[in-house]
Amino acid sequence: MREQLTKSDVKKIEEEIEYRKLVVRKEAIEAVKEARAHGDLSENFEYHAAKKDKNKNESRIRYLERMLKTAEIVSDVSKEDEVGINNTVTVYFEEDDEEQVFRLVTSIRGNSMKNLISTESPLGKAVLGHKEGDRVYVAVNETYGYYVEIRKIQNTSEDENDTIRAY
């Protein structure tokens, strides 16, 4: 499946790749050299740990570069009265008789602990493109779902502290 990314997502990924190539890679190579200088490599824990960290960084770089090559760029611009990417939405859950506020984001940014709901999640898919006052069915699976009402939609500026989720 192709990841959906906004231009802001792409920028943050490019920044992370650059940081990993220019800073983290250099530090990892130095750590491997330093650990290698300690002698016998077969029993040198520092050397093996440094190599593992270096390889982990290189894997992350390849993963992010591959993501950029295969990504589908989506717009985070929506109509004023419709739920779109980066909108903060207040939703009333009928079953629980409670309201929740969350921000709709692309799948790589989804983080329910921070109330960032992915457009690929059942709730995200259900509310995307709807308007205030709409009653929407959220299909969790083939046999279960629930209704929510969209109470409020706010345009939200990108939070610079948002991070791209690591896999």
C-alpha atoms as a PDB file:
ATOM      1  CA  MET A   1       0.000   0.000   0.000  1.00  0.00           C
ATOM      2  CA  ARG A   2       1.266   3.452  -0.879  1.00  0.00           C
ATOM      3  CA  GLU A   3       1.566   5.864   2.013  1.00  0.00           C
ATOM      4  CA  GLN A   4      -0.406   9.060   1.723  1.00  0.00           C
ATOM      5  CA  LEU A   5       1.770  12.048   2.562  1.00  0.00           C
ATOM      6  CA  THR A   6       1.148  15.768   2.631  1.00  0.00           C
ATOM      7  CA  LYS A   7       3.806  18.206   1.413  1.00  0.00           C
ATOM      8  CA  SER A   8       4.587  18.890   5.069  1.00  0.00           C
ATOM      9  CA  ASP A   9       5.099  15.142   5.686  1.00  0.00           C
ATOM     10  CA  VAL A  10       7.492  14.977   2.732  1.00  0.00           C
ATOM     11  CA  LYS A  11       9.450  17.952   4.066  1.00  0.00           C
ATOM     12  CA  LYS A  12       9.780  16.372   7.518  1.00  0.00           C
ATOM     13  CA  ILE A  13      10.894  13.052   6.034  1.00  0.00           C
ATOM     14  CA  GLU A  14      13.486  14.799   3.860  1.00  0.00           C
ATOM     15  CA  GLU A  15      14.762  16.666   6.939  1.00  0.00           C
ATOM     16  CA  GLU A  16      15.038  13.418   8.898  1.00  0.00           C
ATOM     17  CA  ILE A  17      16.927  11.724   6.035  1.00  0.00           C
ATOM     18  CA  GLU A  18      19.347  14.644   5.797  1.00  0.00           C
ATOM     19  CA  TYR A  19      19.909  14.643   9.571  1.00  0.00           C
ATOM     20  CA  ARG A  20      20.497  10.891   9.606  1.00  0.00           C
ATOM     21  CA  LYS A  21      22.949  11.082   6.691  1.00  0.00           C
ATOM     22  CA  LEU A  22      24.912  14.109   7.905  1.00  0.00           C
ATOM     23  CA  VAL A  23      24.837  13.728  11.692  1.00  0.00           C
ATOM     24  CA  VAL A  24      23.753  10.269  12.840  1.00  0.00           C
ATOM     25  CA  ARG A  25      25.741   8.404  10.161  1.00  0.00           C
ATOM     26  CA  LYS A  26      28.929  10.313  11.041  1.00  0.00           C
ATOM     27  CA  GLU A  27      28.475   9.607  14.771  1.00  0.00           C
ATOM     28  CA  ALA A  28      27.742   5.923  14.108  1.00  0.00           C
ATOM     29  CA  ILE A  29      30.865   5.485  11.966  1.00  0.00           C
ATOM     30  CA  GLU A  30      32.980   7.144  14.656  1.00  0.00           C
ATOM     31  CA  ALA A  31      31.465   4.876  17.323  1.00  0.00           C
ATOM     32  CA  VAL A  32      32.317   1.780  15.251  1.00  0.00           C
ATOM     33  CA  LYS A  33      35.909   3.005  14.708  1.00  0.00           C
ATOM     34  CA  GLU A  34      36.352   3.747  18.398  1.00  0.00           C
ATOM     35  CA  ALA A  35      34.946   0.380  19.469  1.00  0.00           C
ATOM     36  CA  ARG A  36      37.095  -1.446  16.894  1.00  0.00           C
ATOM     37  CA  ALA A  37      40.187   0.144  18.429  1.00  0.00           C
ATOM     38  CA  HIS A  38      39.489  -1.650  21.723  1.00  0.00           C
ATOM     39  CA  GLY A  39      40.848  -4.927  20.386  1.00  0.00           C
ATOM     40  CA  ASP A  40      39.365  -8.398  19.908  1.00  0.00           C
ATOM     41  CA  LEU A  41      36.168  -7.943  17.902  1.00  0.00           C
ATOM     42  CA  SER A  42      34.725 -11.376  18.688  1.00  0.00           C
ATOM     43  CA  GLU A  43      34.114 -10.432  22.338  1.00  0.00           C
ATOM     44  CA  ASN A  44      33.793  -6.680  21.950  1.00  0.00           C
ATOM     45  CA  PHE A  45      30.241  -5.776  22.979  1.00  0.00           C
ATOM     46  CA  GLU A  46      30.763  -2.067  22.214  1.00  0.00           C
ATOM     47  CA  TYR A  47      31.770  -2.926  18.640  1.00  0.00           C
ATOM     48  CA  HIS A  48      28.697  -5.114  18.056  1.00  0.00           C
ATOM     49  CA  ALA A  49      26.374  -2.507  19.609  1.00  0.00           C
ATOM     50  CA  ALA A  50      27.915   0.262  17.492  1.00  0.00           C
ATOM     51  CA  LYS A  51      27.545  -1.819  14.311  1.00  0.00           C
ATOM     52  CA  LYS A  52      23.927  -2.552  15.224  1.00  0.00           C
ATOM     53  CA  ASP A  53      23.186   1.169  15.737  1.00  0.00           C
ATOM     54  CA  LYS A  54      24.888   2.040  12.451  1.00  0.00           C
ATOM     55  CA  ASN A  55      22.865  -0.601  10.582  1.00  0.00           C
ATOM     56  CA  LYS A  56      19.643   0.545  12.242  1.00  0.00           C
ATOM     57  CA  ASN A  57      20.275   4.108  11.043  1.00  0.00           C
ATOM     58  CA  GLU A  58      21.021   2.924   7.489  1.00  0.00           C
ATOM     59  CA  SER A  59      17.821   0.843   7.493  1.00  0.00           C
ATOM     60  CA  ARG A  60      15.788   3.858   8.597  1.00  0.00           C
ATOM     61  CA  ILE A  61      17.300   5.967   5.810  1.00  0.00           C
ATOM     62  CA  ARG A  62      16.440   3.306   3.189  1.00  0.00           C
ATOM     63  CA  TYR A  63      12.914   2.952   4.607  1.00  0.00           C
ATOM     64  CA  LEU A  64      12.270   6.708   4.440  1.00  0.00           C
ATOM     65  CA  GLU A  65      13.743   7.035   0.944  1.00  0.00           C
ATOM     66  CA  ARG A  66      11.595   4.150  -0.289  1.00  0.00           C
ATOM     67  CA  MET A  67       8.540   5.736   1.329  1.00  0.00           C
ATOM     68  CA  LEU A  68       9.161   8.992  -0.528  1.00  0.00           C
ATOM     69  CA  LYS A  69       9.586   7.174  -3.860  1.00  0.00           C
ATOM     70  CA  THR A  70       6.305   5.286  -3.543  1.00  0.00           C
ATOM     71  CA  ALA A  71       4.168   7.830  -1.687  1.00  0.00           C
ATOM     72  CA  GLU A  72       0.975   9.394  -2.930  1.00  0.00           C
ATOM     73  CA  ILE A  73       1.000  13.133  -2.238  1.00  0.00           C
ATOM     74  CA  VAL A  74      -2.348  14.320  -0.874  1.00  0.00           C
ATOM     75  CA  SER A  75      -3.609  17.789  -0.191  1.00  0.00           C
ATOM     76  CA  ASP A  76      -4.222  18.940   3.346  1.00  0.00           C
ATOM     77  CA  VAL A  77      -6.464  21.724   2.066  1.00  0.00           C
ATOM     78  CA  SER A  78     -10.162  21.186   2.640  1.00  0.00           C
ATOM     79  CA  LYS A  79     -13.323  23.236   2.412  1.00  0.00           C
ATOM     80  CA  GLU A  80     -14.036  25.397   5.457  1.00  0.00           C
ATOM     81  CA  ASP A  81     -17.080  23.328   6.409  1.00  0.00           C
ATOM     82  CA  GLU A  82     -15.710  19.834   5.644  1.00  0.00           C
ATOM     83  CA  VAL A  83     -13.492  17.516   7.658  1.00  0.00           C
ATOM     84  CA  GLY A  84     -10.074  17.264   6.014  1.00  0.00           C
ATOM     85  CA  ILE A  85      -6.479  16.383   6.832  1.00  0.00           C
ATOM     86  CA  ASN A  86      -5.070  18.452   9.716  1.00  0.00           C
ATOM     87  CA  ASN A  87      -8.516  19.579  10.872  1.00  0.00           C
ATOM     88  CA  THR A  88      -9.327  19.314  14.558  1.00  0.00           C
ATOM     89  CA  VAL A  89     -12.708  17.646  14.900  1.00  0.00           C
ATOM     90  CA  THR A  90     -15.072  17.355  17.852  1.00  0.00           C
ATOM     91  CA  VAL A  91     -17.102  14.154  17.566  1.00  0.00           C
ATOM     92  CA  TYR A  92     -20.014  12.959  19.706  1.00  0.00           C
ATOM     93  CA  PHE A  93     -20.044   9.198  20.266  1.00  0.00           C
ATOM     94  CA  GLU A  94     -23.698   8.181  20.647  1.00  0.00           C
ATOM     95  CA  GLU A  95     -22.997   4.796  22.276  1.00  0.00           C
ATOM     96  CA  ASP A  96     -20.846   6.326  25.008  1.00  0.00           C
ATOM     97  CA  ASP A  97     -22.702   9.647  25.305  1.00  0.00           C
ATOM     98  CA  GLU A  98     -19.400  11.547  25.198  1.00  0.00           C
ATOM     99  CA  GLU A  99     -17.458  13.928  22.993  1.00  0.00           C
ATOM    100  CA  GLN A 100     -13.875  13.535  21.849  1.00  0.00           C
ATOM    101  CA  VAL A 101     -11.582  15.962  20.092  1.00  0.00           C
ATOM    102  CA  PHE A 102      -8.947  14.717  17.675  1.00  0.00           C
ATOM    103  CA  ARG A 103      -6.939  15.859  14.684  1.00  0.00           C
ATOM    104  CA  LEU A 104      -7.175  14.000  11.395  1.00  0.00           C
ATOM    105  CA  VAL A 105      -3.714  13.199   9.999  1.00  0.00           C
ATOM    106  CA  THR A 106      -2.026  10.986   7.401  1.00  0.00           C
ATOM    107  CA  SER A 107      -1.343   7.369   8.328  1.00  0.00           C
ATOM    108  CA  ILE A 108       2.328   7.898   9.158  1.00  0.00           C
ATOM    109  CA  ARG A 109       1.402  10.514  11.737  1.00  0.00           C
ATOM    110  CA  GLY A 110      -1.421   8.630  13.432  1.00  0.00           C
ATOM    111  CA  ASN A 111      -1.006   8.448  17.199  1.00  0.00           C
ATOM    112  CA  SER A 112      -4.125   7.849  19.258  1.00  0.00           C
ATOM    113  CA  MET A 113      -2.263   8.710  22.479  1.00  0.00           C
ATOM    114  CA  LYS A 114      -1.885  12.264  21.150  1.00  0.00           C
ATOM    115  CA  ASN A 115      -5.396  12.354  19.620  1.00  0.00           C
ATOM    116  CA  LEU A 116      -3.964  12.174  16.088  1.00  0.00           C
ATOM    117  CA  ILE A 117      -6.337   9.935  14.138  1.00  0.00           C
ATOM    118  CA  SER A 118      -5.244   8.531  10.786  1.00  0.00           C
ATOM    119  CA  THR A 119      -7.321   8.998   7.646  1.00  0.00           C
ATOM    120  CA  GLU A 120      -6.861   5.232   7.198  1.00  0.00           C
ATOM    121  CA  SER A 121      -8.508   4.348  10.525  1.00  0.00           C
ATOM    122  CA  PRO A 122     -12.224   3.444  10.600  1.00  0.00           C
ATOM    123  CA  LEU A 123     -13.088   6.713  12.365  1.00  0.00           C
ATOM    124  CA  GLY A 124     -10.856   8.775  10.069  1.00  0.00           C
ATOM    125  CA  LYS A 125     -12.315   7.225   6.919  1.00  0.00           C
ATOM    126  CA  ALA A 126     -15.857   7.766   8.192  1.00  0.00           C
ATOM    127  CA  VAL A 127     -15.593  11.477   9.057  1.00  0.00           C
ATOM    128  CA  LEU A 128     -13.336  12.600   6.177  1.00  0.00           C
ATOM    129  CA  GLY A 129     -15.254  14.910   3.848  1.00  0.00           C
ATOM    130  CA  HIS A 130     -18.301  15.268   6.125  1.00  0.00           C
ATOM    131  CA  LYS A 131     -19.698  18.464   7.637  1.00  0.00           C
ATOM    132  CA  GLU A 132     -20.684  19.740  11.066  1.00  0.00           C
ATOM    133  CA  GLY A 133     -23.961  18.197  12.157  1.00  0.00           C
ATOM    134  CA  ASP A 134     -23.531  15.080   9.987  1.00  0.00           C
ATOM    135  CA  ARG A 135     -24.321  11.760  11.632  1.00  0.00           C
ATOM    136  CA  VAL A 136     -21.812   9.219  10.320  1.00  0.00           C
ATOM    137  CA  TYR A 137     -21.602   5.431  10.574  1.00  0.00           C
ATOM    138  CA  VAL A 138     -18.146   4.150  11.540  1.00  0.00           C
ATOM    139  CA  ALA A 139     -17.656   0.599  10.251  1.00  0.00           C
ATOM    140  CA  VAL A 140     -15.102  -1.121  12.495  1.00  0.00           C
ATOM    141  CA  ASN A 141     -15.409  -4.460  10.717  1.00  0.00           C
ATOM    142  CA  GLU A 142     -18.029  -6.360   8.705  1.00  0.00           C
ATOM    143  CA  THR A 143     -20.287  -6.967  11.697  1.00  0.00           C
ATOM    144  CA  TYR A 144     -19.682  -4.048  14.039  1.00  0.00           C
ATOM    145  CA  GLY A 145     -19.933  -0.306  13.747  1.00  0.00           C
ATOM    146  CA  TYR A 146     -21.277   2.713  15.568  1.00  0.00           C
ATOM    147  CA  TYR A 147     -22.631   6.195  14.895  1.00  0.00           C
ATOM    148  CA  VAL A 148     -20.942   9.500  15.627  1.00  0.00           C
ATOM    149  CA  GLU A 149     -22.041  13.069  15.110  1.00  0.00           C
ATOM    150  CA  ILE A 150     -19.585  15.714  13.912  1.00  0.00           C
ATOM    151  CA  ARG A 151     -20.039  18.630  16.290  1.00  0.00           C
ATOM    152  CA  LYS A 152     -17.216  21.002  15.374  1.00  0.00           C
ATOM    153  CA  ILE A 153     -14.494  21.371  12.718  1.00  0.00           C
ATOM    154  CA  GLN A 154     -11.475  23.635  13.160  1.00  0.00           C
ATOM    155  CA  ASN A 155      -8.603  24.306  10.775  1.00  0.00           C
ATOM    156  CA  THR A 156      -5.380  23.425  12.533  1.00  0.00           C
ATOM    157  CA  SER A 157      -1.937  24.647  11.601  1.00  0.00           C
ATOM    158  CA  GLU A 158       0.804  22.041  11.362  1.00  0.00           C
ATOM    159  CA  ASP A 159       2.488  21.450  14.691  1.00  0.00           C
ATOM    160  CA  GLU A 160       6.233  21.490  14.122  1.00  0.00           C
ATOM    161  CA  ASN A 161       6.649  18.963  16.930  1.00  0.00           C
ATOM    162  CA  ASP A 162       4.683  16.290  15.089  1.00  0.00           C
ATOM    163  CA  THR A 163       6.945  13.425  14.208  1.00  0.00           C
ATOM    164  CA  ILE A 164       6.796  10.791  11.569  1.00  0.00           C
ATOM    165  CA  ARG A 165       6.084   7.449  13.173  1.00  0.00           C
ATOM    166  CA  ALA A 166       8.940   4.955  13.039  1.00  0.00           C
ATOM    167  CA  TYR A 167       8.122   1.405  12.086  1.00  0.00           C
END
